[in-house]
């Protein structure tokens, strides 16, 4: 619901049963970002160096981390660009 000058949260009523039939219908279709768009990845050098340094200092061969960024559709509408600008090493626990 939109109220001028103010955002109002909305919620769905509680229900004990689904409001639609969850059984699949029709043919299976694939949905992949590269099917319709030409993807590009752009990464800040500082972010890449930080991730590399963290990987070199880690004793484990495998570790978890997060690369954060933004996804935008190009002006011509033909491609998408993922711009990664933050590295978060996460937590061990």
Protein backbone atom coordinates (compact mmCIF):
# COMPACT_ATOMS: atom_id res chain seq x y z
CA UNK A 1 0.00 0.00 0.00
CA UNK A 2 1.42 3.39 -0.96
CA UNK A 3 0.62 6.52 0.98
CA UNK A 4 2.12 9.78 -0.32
CA UNK A 5 5.15 10.92 1.70
CA UNK A 6 5.14 7.70 3.74
CA UNK A 7 5.82 4.00 3.21
CA UNK A 8 3.39 1.68 4.96
CA UNK A 9 4.33 -1.98 5.57
CA UNK A 10 1.84 -4.60 4.45
CA UNK A 11 1.23 -8.18 5.57
CA UNK A 12 -0.72 -11.17 4.39
CA UNK A 13 -3.39 -12.72 6.61
CA UNK A 14 -2.39 -15.87 8.47
CA UNK A 15 -3.64 -19.07 6.88
CA UNK A 16 -3.48 -22.77 7.78
CA UNK A 17 -3.57 -23.85 4.14
CA UNK A 18 -1.95 -22.67 0.95
CA UNK A 19 -3.94 -20.33 -1.23
CA UNK A 20 -2.76 -22.07 -4.41
CA UNK A 21 -2.10 -25.59 -5.61
CA UNK A 22 1.67 -26.33 -5.20
CA UNK A 23 1.62 -29.17 -7.78
CA UNK A 24 3.72 -28.26 -10.87
CA UNK A 25 1.73 -27.71 -14.06
CA UNK A 26 2.96 -27.51 -17.64
CA UNK A 27 6.37 -27.97 -19.18
CA UNK A 28 9.59 -27.22 -17.32
CA UNK A 29 11.25 -24.02 -18.45
CA UNK A 30 14.71 -22.79 -17.61
CA UNK A 31 15.34 -19.32 -16.33
CA UNK A 32 18.94 -18.17 -16.42
CA UNK A 33 20.35 -14.67 -16.51
CA UNK A 34 22.62 -15.46 -19.49
CA UNK A 35 19.73 -16.69 -21.63
CA UNK A 36 18.39 -13.18 -22.26
CA UNK A 37 21.27 -10.94 -21.17
CA UNK A 38 25.01 -10.57 -21.69
CA UNK A 39 26.48 -10.58 -18.15
CA UNK A 40 29.57 -8.57 -17.14
CA UNK A 41 31.39 -8.60 -13.82
CA UNK A 42 33.26 -5.57 -12.57
CA UNK A 43 35.33 -5.77 -9.39
CA UNK A 44 37.18 -3.08 -7.48
CA UNK A 45 40.92 -3.79 -7.28
CA UNK A 46 40.96 -3.01 -3.55
CA UNK A 47 38.26 -5.63 -2.95
CA UNK A 48 40.13 -8.26 -4.96
CA UNK A 49 43.41 -7.58 -3.11
CA UNK A 50 41.66 -7.81 0.27
CA UNK A 51 40.04 -11.15 -0.64
CA UNK A 52 43.37 -12.49 -1.96
CA UNK A 53 45.21 -11.44 1.24
CA UNK A 54 42.54 -13.07 3.38
CA UNK A 55 42.75 -16.32 1.38
CA UNK A 56 46.56 -16.40 1.70
CA UNK A 57 46.40 -15.89 5.49
CA UNK A 58 43.74 -18.57 6.01
CA UNK A 59 45.10 -21.96 7.15
CA UNK A 60 42.18 -23.91 5.68
CA UNK A 61 42.14 -24.72 1.99
CA UNK A 62 38.42 -23.93 1.89
CA UNK A 63 36.86 -20.92 3.59
CA UNK A 64 33.62 -18.96 3.34
CA UNK A 65 33.33 -15.29 2.55
CA UNK A 66 30.93 -12.80 0.99
CA UNK A 67 31.47 -10.57 -2.03
CA UNK A 68 28.89 -7.80 -2.02
CA UNK A 69 27.88 -5.55 -4.86
CA UNK A 70 25.13 -4.28 -7.10
CA UNK A 71 23.40 -5.73 -10.13
CA UNK A 72 22.26 -3.31 -12.83
CA UNK A 73 20.72 -3.62 -16.28
CA UNK A 74 22.76 -1.80 -18.94
CA UNK A 75 21.30 1.30 -20.58
CA UNK A 76 20.69 -0.52 -23.86
CA UNK A 77 18.78 -3.27 -22.02
CA UNK A 78 20.92 -5.99 -23.60
CA UNK A 79 23.23 -6.76 -20.70
CA UNK A 80 23.56 -6.83 -16.94
CA UNK A 81 26.58 -5.69 -14.94
CA UNK A 82 27.50 -7.06 -11.53
CA UNK A 83 29.75 -4.57 -9.74
CA UNK A 84 31.46 -6.13 -6.72
CA UNK A 85 32.74 -3.48 -4.33
CA UNK A 86 32.92 -5.07 -0.87
CA UNK A 87 34.57 -8.11 0.69
CA UNK A 88 33.25 -9.57 3.94
CA UNK A 89 35.23 -12.49 5.39
CA UNK A 90 32.21 -13.57 7.42
CA UNK A 91 32.46 -15.42 10.70
CA UNK A 92 33.83 -18.82 11.55
CA UNK A 93 30.82 -19.65 13.74
